[in-house]
């Protein structure tokens, strides 16, 4: 009797199930990326608004502050330049805040996944 290789059987929908699994993984990753982008953009917008508001408060409470910081600019334009600087600094802080939020969410998600897998 000759040694024949074993017959490998593949169910008709096996490749479809593999494709669905990959499709679900890609959809999951795309959803996570979209969520991450939304978190960072939201943090940038909120912090930029906060920076602009703080600059406006500084210009109201200390009217001579921005003209001394920007001495070569007319008073009203110095205030506008100060507010623009506040918005820019707030946006930069928003990127940092968004990254911290994403890092903390990733750590929590990893811990939850470990406890769920242990059960």
Protein backbone atom coordinates (compact mmCIF):
# COMPACT_ATOMS: atom_id res chain seq x y z
CA UNK A 1 0.00 0.00 0.00
CA UNK A 2 1.36 3.41 -0.91
CA UNK A 3 1.52 6.32 1.45
CA UNK A 4 -0.85 8.92 0.11
CA UNK A 5 -0.86 12.45 1.48
CA UNK A 6 -3.85 13.19 3.67
CA UNK A 7 -6.74 14.82 1.92
CA UNK A 8 -7.17 18.36 3.11
CA UNK A 9 -10.75 19.47 3.25
CA UNK A 10 -11.72 23.11 3.28
CA UNK A 11 -15.30 24.07 3.91
CA UNK A 12 -16.89 26.15 1.17
CA UNK A 13 -17.12 29.32 3.27
CA UNK A 14 -13.72 29.11 4.99
CA UNK A 15 -12.04 31.73 2.83
CA UNK A 16 -15.07 34.00 3.17
CA UNK A 17 -14.80 33.76 6.96
CA UNK A 18 -11.12 34.69 6.74
CA UNK A 19 -11.97 37.68 4.56
CA UNK A 20 -14.70 38.75 6.98
CA UNK A 21 -12.24 38.50 9.85
CA UNK A 22 -9.74 40.70 8.04
CA UNK A 23 -12.51 43.10 7.07
CA UNK A 24 -13.66 43.38 10.68
CA UNK A 25 -10.07 43.99 11.80
CA UNK A 26 -9.61 46.76 9.22
CA UNK A 27 -12.93 48.31 10.21
CA UNK A 28 -11.90 48.16 13.87
CA UNK A 29 -8.54 49.82 13.16
CA UNK A 30 -10.17 52.48 10.97
CA UNK A 31 -12.66 53.20 13.75
CA UNK A 32 -9.87 53.57 16.29
CA UNK A 33 -7.94 55.91 14.01
CA UNK A 34 -11.02 58.03 13.42
CA UNK A 35 -11.66 58.17 17.17
CA UNK A 36 -8.02 59.15 17.83
CA UNK A 37 -8.12 61.91 15.21
CA UNK A 38 -11.38 63.25 16.64
CA UNK A 39 -9.95 63.27 20.17
CA UNK A 40 -6.83 65.18 19.12
CA UNK A 41 -8.74 67.64 16.92
CA UNK A 42 -11.25 68.23 19.72
CA UNK A 43 -8.47 68.84 22.23
CA UNK A 44 -6.75 71.26 19.84
CA UNK A 45 -9.97 73.22 19.28
CA UNK A 46 -10.83 73.41 22.99
CA UNK A 47 -7.31 74.43 24.02
CA UNK A 48 -7.04 76.98 21.19
CA UNK A 49 -10.29 78.59 22.31
CA UNK A 50 -9.01 78.54 25.89
CA UNK A 51 -5.72 80.16 24.86
CA UNK A 52 -7.55 82.87 22.94
CA UNK A 53 -9.87 83.55 25.87
CA UNK A 54 -6.96 83.75 28.29
CA UNK A 55 -5.20 86.21 25.98
CA UNK A 56 -8.37 88.29 25.78
CA UNK A 57 -8.68 88.28 29.57
CA UNK A 58 -5.04 89.39 29.86
CA UNK A 59 -5.69 92.21 27.37
CA UNK A 60 -8.73 93.39 29.37
CA UNK A 61 -7.14 93.14 32.83
CA UNK A 62 -3.72 94.47 31.78
CA UNK A 63 -4.28 96.76 28.78
CA UNK A 64 -0.62 97.77 28.46
CA UNK A 65 0.73 94.20 28.48
CA UNK A 66 0.56 93.39 24.76
CA UNK A 67 1.76 96.81 23.59
CA UNK A 68 4.87 96.28 25.74
CA UNK A 69 5.35 92.74 24.40
CA UNK A 70 4.90 93.89 20.78
CA UNK A 71 6.33 97.44 20.90
CA UNK A 72 6.54 98.01 17.13
CA UNK A 73 2.84 97.35 16.59
CA UNK A 74 -0.11 99.73 17.09
CA UNK A 75 -2.03 99.13 20.35
CA UNK A 76 -5.12 97.47 18.82
CA UNK A 77 -3.00 95.29 16.55
CA UNK A 78 -0.80 94.35 19.51
CA UNK A 79 -3.86 93.04 21.32
CA UNK A 80 -4.89 91.07 18.22
CA UNK A 81 -1.34 89.71 17.92
CA UNK A 82 -1.46 88.68 21.58
CA UNK A 83 -4.77 86.88 21.09
CA UNK A 84 -3.42 85.15 17.97
CA UNK A 85 -0.37 84.08 19.93
CA UNK A 86 -2.64 82.72 22.67
CA UNK A 87 -4.64 80.75 20.11
CA UNK A 88 -1.44 79.30 18.62
CA UNK A 89 -0.04 78.35 22.00
CA UNK A 90 -3.38 76.84 22.98
CA UNK A 91 -3.44 74.76 19.80
CA UNK A 92 0.06 73.49 20.50
CA UNK A 93 -0.98 72.61 24.03
CA UNK A 94 -4.05 70.88 22.58
CA UNK A 95 -1.86 68.49 20.60
CA UNK A 96 -0.06 67.57 23.80
CA UNK A 97 -3.31 67.22 25.75
CA UNK A 98 -4.83 65.06 22.99
CA UNK A 99 -1.78 62.80 23.02
CA UNK A 100 -2.03 62.42 26.81
CA UNK A 101 -5.74 61.58 26.52
CA UNK A 102 -5.04 58.96 23.85
CA UNK A 103 -2.22 57.45 25.90
CA UNK A 104 -4.42 57.18 28.98
CA UNK A 105 -7.26 55.64 26.96
CA UNK A 106 -4.86 53.11 25.43
CA UNK A 107 -3.57 52.10 28.87
CA UNK A 108 -7.10 51.71 30.25
CA UNK A 109 -8.22 49.78 27.16
CA UNK A 110 -5.23 47.45 27.46
CA UNK A 111 -5.96 46.76 31.12
CA UNK A 112 -9.64 46.12 30.40
CA UNK A 113 -8.74 43.75 27.57
CA UNK A 114 -6.35 41.81 29.85
CA UNK A 115 -9.03 41.39 32.53
CA UNK A 116 -11.60 40.41 29.90
CA UNK A 117 -9.22 37.84 28.39
CA UNK A 118 -8.42 36.42 31.84
CA UNK A 119 -12.10 35.70 32.50
